[in-house]
PDB file of all heavy atoms in Angstrom:
ATOM      1  N   GLY A   1     188.716  -1.417  -1.640  1.00  0.00           N
ATOM      2  CA  GLY A   1     190.011  -1.594  -1.002  1.00  0.00           C
ATOM      3  C   GLY A   1     189.893  -1.300   0.485  1.00  0.00           C
ATOM      4  O   GLY A   1     188.903  -0.740   0.932  1.00  0.00           O
ATOM      5  N   GLU A   2     190.906  -1.658   1.229  1.00  0.00           N
ATOM      6  CA  GLU A   2     190.876  -1.448   2.673  1.00  0.00           C
ATOM      7  C   GLU A   2     191.506  -0.117   3.078  1.00  0.00           C
ATOM      8  O   GLU A   2     191.217   0.409   4.138  1.00  0.00           O
ATOM      9  CB  GLU A   2     191.603  -2.588   3.376  1.00  0.00           C
ATOM     10  CG  GLU A   2     190.912  -3.918   3.176  1.00  0.00           C
ATOM     11  CD  GLU A   2     191.699  -5.071   3.776  1.00  0.00           C
ATOM     12  OE1 GLU A   2     192.648  -4.824   4.546  1.00  0.00           O
ATOM     13  OE2 GLU A   2     191.346  -6.214   3.474  1.00  0.00           O
ATOM     14  N   GLY A   3     192.390   0.408   2.270  1.00  0.00           N
ATOM     15  CA  GLY A   3     193.094   1.636   2.611  1.00  0.00           C
ATOM     16  C   GLY A   3     192.392   2.878   2.103  1.00  0.00           C
ATOM     17  O   GLY A   3     191.315   2.822   1.513  1.00  0.00           O
ATOM     18  N   LYS A   4     193.028   3.996   2.336  1.00  0.00           N
ATOM     19  CA  LYS A   4     192.466   5.279   1.899  1.00  0.00           C
ATOM     20  C   LYS A   4     192.755   5.535   0.421  1.00  0.00           C
ATOM     21  O   LYS A   4     192.113   6.369  -0.198  1.00  0.00           O
ATOM     22  CB  LYS A   4     193.041   6.426   2.726  1.00  0.00           C
ATOM     23  CG  LYS A   4     192.566   6.402   4.158  1.00  0.00           C
ATOM     24  CD  LYS A   4     193.109   7.586   4.915  1.00  0.00           C
ATOM     25  CE  LYS A   4     192.591   7.554   6.342  1.00  0.00           C
ATOM     26  NZ  LYS A   4     193.073   8.697   7.103  1.00  0.00           N
ATOM     27  N   ILE A   5     193.722   4.853  -0.128  1.00  0.00           N
ATOM     28  CA  ILE A   5     194.103   5.098  -1.523  1.00  0.00           C
ATOM     29  C   ILE A   5     193.075   4.468  -2.457  1.00  0.00           C
ATOM     30  O   ILE A   5     192.722   3.301  -2.337  1.00  0.00           O
ATOM     31  CB  ILE A   5     195.499   4.528  -1.826  1.00  0.00           C
ATOM     32  CG1 ILE A   5     196.548   5.211  -0.953  1.00  0.00           C
ATOM     33  CG2 ILE A   5     195.835   4.696  -3.308  1.00  0.00           C
ATOM     34  CD1 ILE A   5     197.932   4.609  -1.081  1.00  0.00           C
ATOM     35  N   LYS A   6     192.580   5.249  -3.391  1.00  0.00           N
ATOM     36  CA  LYS A   6     191.656   4.796  -4.434  1.00  0.00           C
ATOM     37  C   LYS A   6     192.168   5.352  -5.755  1.00  0.00           C
ATOM     38  O   LYS A   6     192.718   6.445  -5.808  1.00  0.00           O
ATOM     39  CB  LYS A   6     190.238   5.329  -4.207  1.00  0.00           C
ATOM     40  CG  LYS A   6     189.691   5.122  -2.802  1.00  0.00           C
ATOM     41  CD  LYS A   6     189.237   3.703  -2.584  1.00  0.00           C
ATOM     42  CE  LYS A   6     188.557   3.524  -1.260  1.00  0.00           C
ATOM     43  NZ  LYS A   6     189.397   3.307  -0.124  1.00  0.00           N
ATOM     44  N   ILE A   7     191.988   4.613  -6.822  1.00  0.00           N
ATOM     45  CA  ILE A   7     192.430   5.105  -8.123  1.00  0.00           C
ATOM     46  C   ILE A   7     191.293   5.030  -9.147  1.00  0.00           C
ATOM     47  O   ILE A   7     190.376   4.217  -9.009  1.00  0.00           O
ATOM     48  CB  ILE A   7     193.659   4.341  -8.647  1.00  0.00           C
ATOM     49  CG1 ILE A   7     193.336   2.868  -8.876  1.00  0.00           C
ATOM     50  CG2 ILE A   7     194.832   4.475  -7.711  1.00  0.00           C
ATOM     51  CD1 ILE A   7     194.412   2.132  -9.633  1.00  0.00           C
ATOM     52  N   LEU A   8     191.373   5.859 -10.153  1.00  0.00           N
ATOM     53  CA  LEU A   8     190.475   5.815 -11.311  1.00  0.00           C
ATOM     54  C   LEU A   8     191.286   5.194 -12.439  1.00  0.00           C
ATOM     55  O   LEU A   8     192.360   5.696 -12.795  1.00  0.00           O
ATOM     56  CB  LEU A   8     190.022   7.216 -11.700  1.00  0.00           C
ATOM     57  CG  LEU A   8     189.222   7.324 -12.994  1.00  0.00           C
ATOM     58  CD1 LEU A   8     187.925   6.532 -12.897  1.00  0.00           C
ATOM     59  CD2 LEU A   8     188.949   8.779 -13.323  1.00  0.00           C
ATOM     60  N   ALA A   9     190.815   4.085 -12.968  1.00  0.00           N
ATOM     61  CA  ALA A   9     191.539   3.362 -14.009  1.00  0.00           C
ATOM     62  C   ALA A   9     190.783   3.490 -15.339  1.00  0.00           C
ATOM     63  O   ALA A   9     189.599   3.178 -15.403  1.00  0.00           O
ATOM     64  CB  ALA A   9     191.691   1.901 -13.624  1.00  0.00           C
ATOM     65  N   ILE A  10     191.470   3.918 -16.370  1.00  0.00           N
ATOM     66  CA  ILE A  10     190.855   4.092 -17.695  1.00  0.00           C
ATOM     67  C   ILE A  10     191.574   3.162 -18.671  1.00  0.00           C
ATOM     68  O   ILE A  10     192.792   3.258 -18.852  1.00  0.00           O
ATOM     69  CB  ILE A  10     190.963   5.554 -18.170  1.00  0.00           C
ATOM     70  CG1 ILE A  10     190.259   6.467 -17.148  1.00  0.00           C
ATOM     71  CG2 ILE A  10     190.352   5.704 -19.557  1.00  0.00           C
ATOM     72  CD1 ILE A  10     190.443   7.933 -17.401  1.00  0.00           C
ATOM     73  N   HIS A  11     190.795   2.258 -19.267  1.00  0.00           N
ATOM     74  CA  HIS A  11     191.392   1.276 -20.180  1.00  0.00           C
ATOM     75  C   HIS A  11     191.753   1.899 -21.518  1.00  0.00           C
ATOM     76  O   HIS A  11     191.325   2.995 -21.857  1.00  0.00           O
ATOM     77  CB  HIS A  11     190.433   0.095 -20.385  1.00  0.00           C
ATOM     78  CG  HIS A  11     189.158   0.448 -21.089  1.00  0.00           C
ATOM     79  ND1 HIS A  11     189.081   0.646 -22.445  1.00  0.00           N
ATOM     80  CD2 HIS A  11     187.895   0.624 -20.621  1.00  0.00           C
ATOM     81  CE1 HIS A  11     187.838   0.931 -22.791  1.00  0.00           C
ATOM     82  NE2 HIS A  11     187.096   0.926 -21.697  1.00  0.00           N
ATOM     83  N   GLY A  12     192.543   1.173 -22.289  1.00  0.00           N
ATOM     84  CA  GLY A  12     192.952   1.624 -23.616  1.00  0.00           C
ATOM     85  C   GLY A  12     191.919   1.289 -24.676  1.00  0.00           C
ATOM     86  O   GLY A  12     190.856   0.725 -24.393  1.00  0.00           O
ATOM     87  N   GLY A  13     192.213   1.628 -25.909  1.00  0.00           N
ATOM     88  CA  GLY A  13     191.313   1.374 -27.019  1.00  0.00           C
ATOM     89  C   GLY A  13     191.106  -0.101 -27.294  1.00  0.00           C
ATOM     90  O   GLY A  13     191.942  -0.943 -26.953  1.00  0.00           O
ATOM     91  N   MET A  14     189.996  -0.423 -27.878  1.00  0.00           N
ATOM     92  CA  MET A  14     189.645  -1.792 -28.276  1.00  0.00           C
ATOM     93  C   MET A  14     189.637  -2.761 -27.086  1.00  0.00           C
ATOM     94  O   MET A  14     190.018  -3.916 -27.204  1.00  0.00           O
ATOM     95  CB  MET A  14     190.586  -2.309 -29.367  1.00  0.00           C
ATOM     96  CG  MET A  14     190.620  -1.432 -30.608  1.00  0.00           C
ATOM     97  SD  MET A  14     189.004  -1.187 -31.377  1.00  0.00           S
ATOM     98  CE  MET A  14     188.695  -2.820 -31.993  1.00  0.00           C
ATOM     99  N   SER A  15     189.218  -2.275 -25.906  1.00  0.00           N
ATOM    100  CA  SER A  15     189.156  -3.128 -24.729  1.00  0.00           C
ATOM    101  C   SER A  15     188.038  -2.666 -23.813  1.00  0.00           C
ATOM    102  O   SER A  15     187.269  -1.773 -24.170  1.00  0.00           O
ATOM    103  CB  SER A  15     190.499  -3.108 -23.991  1.00  0.00           C
ATOM    104  OG  SER A  15     190.766  -1.834 -23.466  1.00  0.00           O
ATOM    105  N   ASP A  16     187.928  -3.263 -22.638  1.00  0.00           N
ATOM    106  CA  ASP A  16     186.950  -2.844 -21.643  1.00  0.00           C
ATOM    107  C   ASP A  16     187.632  -2.800 -20.284  1.00  0.00           C
ATOM    108  O   ASP A  16     188.831  -3.043 -20.191  1.00  0.00           O
ATOM    109  CB  ASP A  16     185.717  -3.766 -21.641  1.00  0.00           C
ATOM    110  CG  ASP A  16     186.052  -5.215 -21.369  1.00  0.00           C
ATOM    111  OD1 ASP A  16     186.807  -5.497 -20.416  1.00  0.00           O
ATOM    112  OD2 ASP A  16     185.562  -6.089 -22.103  1.00  0.00           O
ATOM    113  N   TYR A  17     186.881  -2.487 -19.222  1.00  0.00           N
ATOM    114  CA  TYR A  17     187.510  -2.317 -17.908  1.00  0.00           C
ATOM    115  C   TYR A  17     188.215  -3.569 -17.404  1.00  0.00           C
ATOM    116  O   TYR A  17     189.115  -3.489 -16.571  1.00  0.00           O
ATOM    117  CB  TYR A  17     186.523  -1.799 -16.867  1.00  0.00           C
ATOM    118  CG  TYR A  17     185.361  -2.704 -16.513  1.00  0.00           C
ATOM    119  CD1 TYR A  17     185.522  -3.800 -15.683  1.00  0.00           C
ATOM    120  CD2 TYR A  17     184.096  -2.448 -16.992  1.00  0.00           C
ATOM    121  CE1 TYR A  17     184.458  -4.618 -15.358  1.00  0.00           C
ATOM    122  CE2 TYR A  17     183.016  -3.254 -16.664  1.00  0.00           C
ATOM    123  CZ  TYR A  17     183.203  -4.344 -15.841  1.00  0.00           C
ATOM    124  OH  TYR A  17     182.155  -5.156 -15.512  1.00  0.00           O
ATOM    125  N   THR A  18     187.900  -4.733 -17.936  1.00  0.00           N
ATOM    126  CA  THR A  18     188.556  -5.968 -17.474  1.00  0.00           C
ATOM    127  C   THR A  18     189.984  -6.120 -18.006  1.00  0.00           C
ATOM    128  O   THR A  18     190.746  -6.929 -17.493  1.00  0.00           O
ATOM    129  CB  THR A  18     187.740  -7.218 -17.859  1.00  0.00           C
ATOM    130  OG1 THR A  18     187.660  -7.304 -19.280  1.00  0.00           O
ATOM    131  CG2 THR A  18     186.357  -7.181 -17.242  1.00  0.00           C
ATOM    132  N   SER A  19     190.355  -5.342 -19.012  1.00  0.00           N
ATOM    133  CA  SER A  19     191.726  -5.442 -19.532  1.00  0.00           C
ATOM    134  C   SER A  19     192.751  -5.011 -18.482  1.00  0.00           C
ATOM    135  O   SER A  19     193.926  -5.349 -18.591  1.00  0.00           O
ATOM    136  CB  SER A  19     191.887  -4.621 -20.804  1.00  0.00           C
ATOM    137  OG  SER A  19     191.743  -3.243 -20.530  1.00  0.00           O
ATOM    138  N   LEU A  20     192.297  -4.299 -17.465  1.00  0.00           N
ATOM    139  CA  LEU A  20     193.182  -3.845 -16.390  1.00  0.00           C
ATOM    140  C   LEU A  20     193.161  -4.779 -15.187  1.00  0.00           C
ATOM    141  O   LEU A  20     193.774  -4.489 -14.156  1.00  0.00           O
ATOM    142  CB  LEU A  20     192.773  -2.439 -15.966  1.00  0.00           C
ATOM    143  CG  LEU A  20     192.864  -1.378 -17.072  1.00  0.00           C
ATOM    144  CD1 LEU A  20     192.214  -0.080 -16.615  1.00  0.00           C
ATOM    145  CD2 LEU A  20     194.299  -1.158 -17.467  1.00  0.00           C
ATOM    146  N   ASN A  21     192.476  -5.926 -15.295  1.00  0.00           N
ATOM    147  CA  ASN A  21     192.365  -6.845 -14.159  1.00  0.00           C
ATOM    148  C   ASN A  21     193.711  -7.236 -13.543  1.00  0.00           C
ATOM    149  O   ASN A  21     193.817  -7.250 -12.313  1.00  0.00           O
ATOM    150  CB  ASN A  21     191.594  -8.105 -14.548  1.00  0.00           C
ATOM    151  CG  ASN A  21     190.105  -7.878 -14.629  1.00  0.00           C
ATOM    152  OD1 ASN A  21     189.597  -6.814 -14.273  1.00  0.00           O
ATOM    153  ND2 ASN A  21     189.381  -8.873 -15.105  1.00  0.00           N
ATOM    154  N   PRO A  22     194.734  -7.596 -14.318  1.00  0.00           N
ATOM    155  CA  PRO A  22     195.994  -7.998 -13.674  1.00  0.00           C
ATOM    156  C   PRO A  22     196.557  -6.925 -12.739  1.00  0.00           C
ATOM    157  O   PRO A  22     197.053  -7.239 -11.660  1.00  0.00           O
ATOM    158  CB  PRO A  22     196.931  -8.256 -14.858  1.00  0.00           C
ATOM    159  CG  PRO A  22     196.028  -8.596 -15.993  1.00  0.00           C
ATOM    160  CD  PRO A  22     194.796  -7.739 -15.781  1.00  0.00           C
ATOM    161  N   ILE A  23     196.429  -5.681 -13.119  1.00  0.00           N
ATOM    162  CA  ILE A  23     196.933  -4.587 -12.288  1.00  0.00           C
ATOM    163  C   ILE A  23     195.966  -4.304 -11.132  1.00  0.00           C
ATOM    164  O   ILE A  23     196.367  -4.235  -9.970  1.00  0.00           O
ATOM    165  CB  ILE A  23     197.122  -3.308 -13.130  1.00  0.00           C
ATOM    166  CG1 ILE A  23     198.189  -3.541 -14.202  1.00  0.00           C
ATOM    167  CG2 ILE A  23     197.454  -2.111 -12.257  1.00  0.00           C
ATOM    168  CD1 ILE A  23     198.232  -2.472 -15.261  1.00  0.00           C
ATOM    169  N   LEU A  24     194.677  -4.145 -11.458  1.00  0.00           N
ATOM    170  CA  LEU A  24     193.699  -3.760 -10.449  1.00  0.00           C
ATOM    171  C   LEU A  24     193.455  -4.833  -9.398  1.00  0.00           C
ATOM    172  O   LEU A  24     193.247  -4.525  -8.226  1.00  0.00           O
ATOM    173  CB  LEU A  24     192.385  -3.344 -11.114  1.00  0.00           C
ATOM    174  CG  LEU A  24     192.492  -2.143 -12.060  1.00  0.00           C
ATOM    175  CD1 LEU A  24     191.135  -1.837 -12.672  1.00  0.00           C
ATOM    176  CD2 LEU A  24     193.064  -0.940 -11.342  1.00  0.00           C
ATOM    177  N   TYR A  25     193.501  -6.097  -9.790  1.00  0.00           N
ATOM    178  CA  TYR A  25     193.315  -7.177  -8.818  1.00  0.00           C
ATOM    179  C   TYR A  25     194.505  -7.247  -7.853  1.00  0.00           C
ATOM    180  O   TYR A  25     194.340  -7.493  -6.665  1.00  0.00           O
ATOM    181  CB  TYR A  25     193.118  -8.522  -9.519  1.00  0.00           C
ATOM    182  CG  TYR A  25     191.762  -8.684 -10.181  1.00  0.00           C
ATOM    183  CD1 TYR A  25     190.830  -7.661 -10.206  1.00  0.00           C
ATOM    184  CD2 TYR A  25     191.423  -9.872 -10.785  1.00  0.00           C
ATOM    185  CE1 TYR A  25     189.595  -7.827 -10.817  1.00  0.00           C
ATOM    186  CE2 TYR A  25     190.188 -10.057 -11.393  1.00  0.00           C
ATOM    187  CZ  TYR A  25     189.282  -9.023 -11.406  1.00  0.00           C
ATOM    188  OH  TYR A  25     188.051  -9.194 -11.999  1.00  0.00           O
ATOM    189  N   THR A  26     195.712  -7.015  -8.363  1.00  0.00           N
ATOM    190  CA  THR A  26     196.893  -6.988  -7.503  1.00  0.00           C
ATOM    191  C   THR A  26     196.808  -5.818  -6.518  1.00  0.00           C
ATOM    192  O   THR A  26     197.102  -5.965  -5.333  1.00  0.00           O
ATOM    193  CB  THR A  26     198.176  -6.877  -8.350  1.00  0.00           C
ATOM    194  OG1 THR A  26     198.242  -7.999  -9.233  1.00  0.00           O
ATOM    195  CG2 THR A  26     199.420  -6.840  -7.481  1.00  0.00           C
ATOM    196  N   LEU A  27     196.378  -4.667  -7.014  1.00  0.00           N
ATOM    197  CA  LEU A  27     196.208  -3.513  -6.130  1.00  0.00           C
ATOM    198  C   LEU A  27     195.155  -3.795  -5.063  1.00  0.00           C
ATOM    199  O   LEU A  27     195.347  -3.469  -3.886  1.00  0.00           O
ATOM    200  CB  LEU A  27     195.828  -2.266  -6.940  1.00  0.00           C
ATOM    201  CG  LEU A  27     196.930  -1.697  -7.831  1.00  0.00           C
ATOM    202  CD1 LEU A  27     196.368  -0.603  -8.727  1.00  0.00           C
ATOM    203  CD2 LEU A  27     198.085  -1.174  -6.993  1.00  0.00           C
ATOM    204  N   GLN A  28     194.034  -4.422  -5.460  1.00  0.00           N
ATOM    205  CA  GLN A  28     192.984  -4.731  -4.501  1.00  0.00           C
ATOM    206  C   GLN A  28     193.501  -5.691  -3.420  1.00  0.00           C
ATOM    207  O   GLN A  28     193.182  -5.532  -2.242  1.00  0.00           O
ATOM    208  CB  GLN A  28     191.748  -5.309  -5.198  1.00  0.00           C
ATOM    209  CG  GLN A  28     190.579  -5.495  -4.229  1.00  0.00           C
ATOM    210  CD  GLN A  28     189.361  -6.098  -4.871  1.00  0.00           C
ATOM    211  OE1 GLN A  28     189.448  -6.927  -5.771  1.00  0.00           O
ATOM    212  NE2 GLN A  28     188.194  -5.682  -4.401  1.00  0.00           N
ATOM    213  N   GLN A  29     194.280  -6.667  -3.811  1.00  0.00           N
ATOM    214  CA  GLN A  29     194.855  -7.604  -2.838  1.00  0.00           C
ATOM    215  C   GLN A  29     195.766  -6.890  -1.839  1.00  0.00           C
ATOM    216  O   GLN A  29     196.005  -7.380  -0.745  1.00  0.00           O
ATOM    217  CB  GLN A  29     195.625  -8.715  -3.553  1.00  0.00           C
ATOM    218  CG  GLN A  29     194.718  -9.680  -4.277  1.00  0.00           C
ATOM    219  CD  GLN A  29     195.493 -10.644  -5.166  1.00  0.00           C
ATOM    220  OE1 GLN A  29     196.523 -10.309  -5.735  1.00  0.00           O
ATOM    221  NE2 GLN A  29     194.969 -11.853  -5.288  1.00  0.00           N
ATOM    222  N   ASN A  30     196.258  -5.711  -2.238  1.00  0.00           N
ATOM    223  CA  ASN A  30     197.130  -4.918  -1.370  1.00  0.00           C
ATOM    224  C   ASN A  30     196.385  -3.736  -0.733  1.00  0.00           C
ATOM    225  O   ASN A  30     197.014  -2.778  -0.278  1.00  0.00           O
ATOM    226  CB  ASN A  30     198.351  -4.438  -2.157  1.00  0.00           C
ATOM    227  CG  ASN A  30     199.311  -5.569  -2.436  1.00  0.00           C
ATOM    228  OD1 ASN A  30     200.045  -5.977  -1.551  1.00  0.00           O
ATOM    229  ND2 ASN A  30     199.269  -6.112  -3.641  1.00  0.00           N
ATOM    230  N   GLY A  31     195.044  -3.800  -0.728  1.00  0.00           N
ATOM    231  CA  GLY A  31     194.236  -2.817  -0.021  1.00  0.00           C
ATOM    232  C   GLY A  31     193.883  -1.560  -0.787  1.00  0.00           C
ATOM    233  O   GLY A  31     193.330  -0.621  -0.222  1.00  0.00           O
ATOM    234  N   ILE A  32     194.179  -1.515  -2.085  1.00  0.00           N
ATOM    235  CA  ILE A  32     193.910  -0.312  -2.881  1.00  0.00           C
ATOM    236  C   ILE A  32     192.680  -0.530  -3.739  1.00  0.00           C
ATOM    237  O   ILE A  32     192.615  -1.457  -4.545  1.00  0.00           O
ATOM    238  CB  ILE A  32     195.129   0.052  -3.758  1.00  0.00           C
ATOM    239  CG1 ILE A  32     196.333   0.328  -2.856  1.00  0.00           C
ATOM    240  CG2 ILE A  32     194.816   1.244  -4.650  1.00  0.00           C
ATOM    241  CD1 ILE A  32     197.632   0.515  -3.586  1.00  0.00           C
ATOM    242  N   GLY A  33     191.685   0.329  -3.565  1.00  0.00           N
ATOM    243  CA  GLY A  33     190.447   0.236  -4.337  1.00  0.00           C
ATOM    244  C   GLY A  33     190.563   0.966  -5.660  1.00  0.00           C
ATOM    245  O   GLY A  33     191.465   1.785  -5.871  1.00  0.00           O
ATOM    246  N   SER A  34     189.637   0.672  -6.583  1.00  0.00           N
ATOM    247  CA  SER A  34     189.676   1.336  -7.886  1.00  0.00           C
ATOM    248  C   SER A  34     188.272   1.474  -8.469  1.00  0.00           C
ATOM    249  O   SER A  34     187.372   0.704  -8.145  1.00  0.00           O
ATOM    250  CB  SER A  34     190.554   0.550  -8.864  1.00  0.00           C
ATOM    251  OG  SER A  34     190.023  -0.737  -9.082  1.00  0.00           O
ATOM    252  N   LEU A  35     188.134   2.451  -9.331  1.00  0.00           N
ATOM    253  CA  LEU A  35     186.921   2.668 -10.101  1.00  0.00           C
ATOM    254  C   LEU A  35     187.313   2.591 -11.562  1.00  0.00           C
ATOM    255  O   LEU A  35     188.287   3.226 -11.987  1.00  0.00           O
ATOM    256  CB  LEU A  35     186.312   4.034  -9.798  1.00  0.00           C
ATOM    257  CG  LEU A  35     185.141   4.473 -10.680  1.00  0.00           C
ATOM    258  CD1 LEU A  35     183.927   3.573 -10.442  1.00  0.00           C
ATOM    259  CD2 LEU A  35     184.794   5.922 -10.421  1.00  0.00           C
ATOM    260  N   SER A  36     186.604   1.786 -12.334  1.00  0.00           N
ATOM    261  CA  SER A  36     186.851   1.697 -13.766  1.00  0.00           C
ATOM    262  C   SER A  36     185.521   1.528 -14.477  1.00  0.00           C
ATOM    263  O   SER A  36     184.530   1.141 -13.874  1.00  0.00           O
ATOM    264  CB  SER A  36     187.798   0.521 -14.095  1.00  0.00           C
ATOM    265  OG  SER A  36     187.299  -0.680 -13.552  1.00  0.00           O
ATOM    266  N   PHE A  37     185.489   1.841 -15.742  1.00  0.00           N
ATOM    267  CA  PHE A  37     184.241   1.766 -16.499  1.00  0.00           C
ATOM    268  C   PHE A  37     184.551   1.582 -17.972  1.00  0.00           C
ATOM    269  O   PHE A  37     185.669   1.817 -18.423  1.00  0.00           O
ATOM    270  CB  PHE A  37     183.405   3.034 -16.286  1.00  0.00           C
ATOM    271  CG  PHE A  37     184.187   4.303 -16.480  1.00  0.00           C
ATOM    272  CD1 PHE A  37     184.342   4.870 -17.734  1.00  0.00           C
ATOM    273  CD2 PHE A  37     184.811   4.906 -15.398  1.00  0.00           C
ATOM    274  CE1 PHE A  37     185.082   6.021 -17.903  1.00  0.00           C
ATOM    275  CE2 PHE A  37     185.554   6.064 -15.554  1.00  0.00           C
ATOM    276  CZ  PHE A  37     185.690   6.632 -16.810  1.00  0.00           C
ATOM    277  N   ASN A  38     183.555   1.158 -18.705  1.00  0.00           N
ATOM    278  CA  ASN A  38     183.711   0.963 -20.142  1.00  0.00           C
ATOM    279  C   ASN A  38     183.526   2.282 -20.864  1.00  0.00           C
ATOM    280  O   ASN A  38     182.729   3.137 -20.454  1.00  0.00           O
ATOM    281  CB  ASN A  38     182.705  -0.065 -20.660  1.00  0.00           C
ATOM    282  CG  ASN A  38     183.071  -1.457 -20.197  1.00  0.00           C
ATOM    283  OD1 ASN A  38     184.237  -1.763 -20.016  1.00  0.00           O
ATOM    284  ND2 ASN A  38     182.075  -2.287 -19.990  1.00  0.00           N
ATOM    285  N   LEU A  39     184.248   2.428 -21.950  1.00  0.00           N
ATOM    286  CA  LEU A  39     184.135   3.608 -22.792  1.00  0.00           C
ATOM    287  C   LEU A  39     183.312   3.253 -24.032  1.00  0.00           C
ATOM    288  O   LEU A  39     183.481   2.169 -24.591  1.00  0.00           O
ATOM    289  CB  LEU A  39     185.530   4.110 -23.204  1.00  0.00           C
ATOM    290  CG  LEU A  39     186.434   4.511 -22.035  1.00  0.00           C
ATOM    291  CD1 LEU A  39     187.839   4.809 -22.541  1.00  0.00           C
ATOM    292  CD2 LEU A  39     185.869   5.712 -21.312  1.00  0.00           C
ATOM    293  N   SER A  40     182.465   4.133 -24.442  1.00  0.00           N
ATOM    294  CA  SER A  40     181.551   3.899 -25.553  1.00  0.00           C
ATOM    295  C   SER A  40     182.279   3.529 -26.838  1.00  0.00           C
ATOM    296  O   SER A  40     183.217   4.208 -27.256  1.00  0.00           O
ATOM    297  CB  SER A  40     180.717   5.163 -25.792  1.00  0.00           C
ATOM    298  OG  SER A  40     179.884   5.004 -26.897  1.00  0.00           O
TER     299      SER A  40
END
């Protein structure tokens, strides 16, 4: 992201980090970066 704001995004069960794409991509377009990862 371009701004100072960064978030840690944790997906729900039966999914992976891409399930949050609609939210995280919108945030990125508005300068907010994020870190997400898959859960075992």
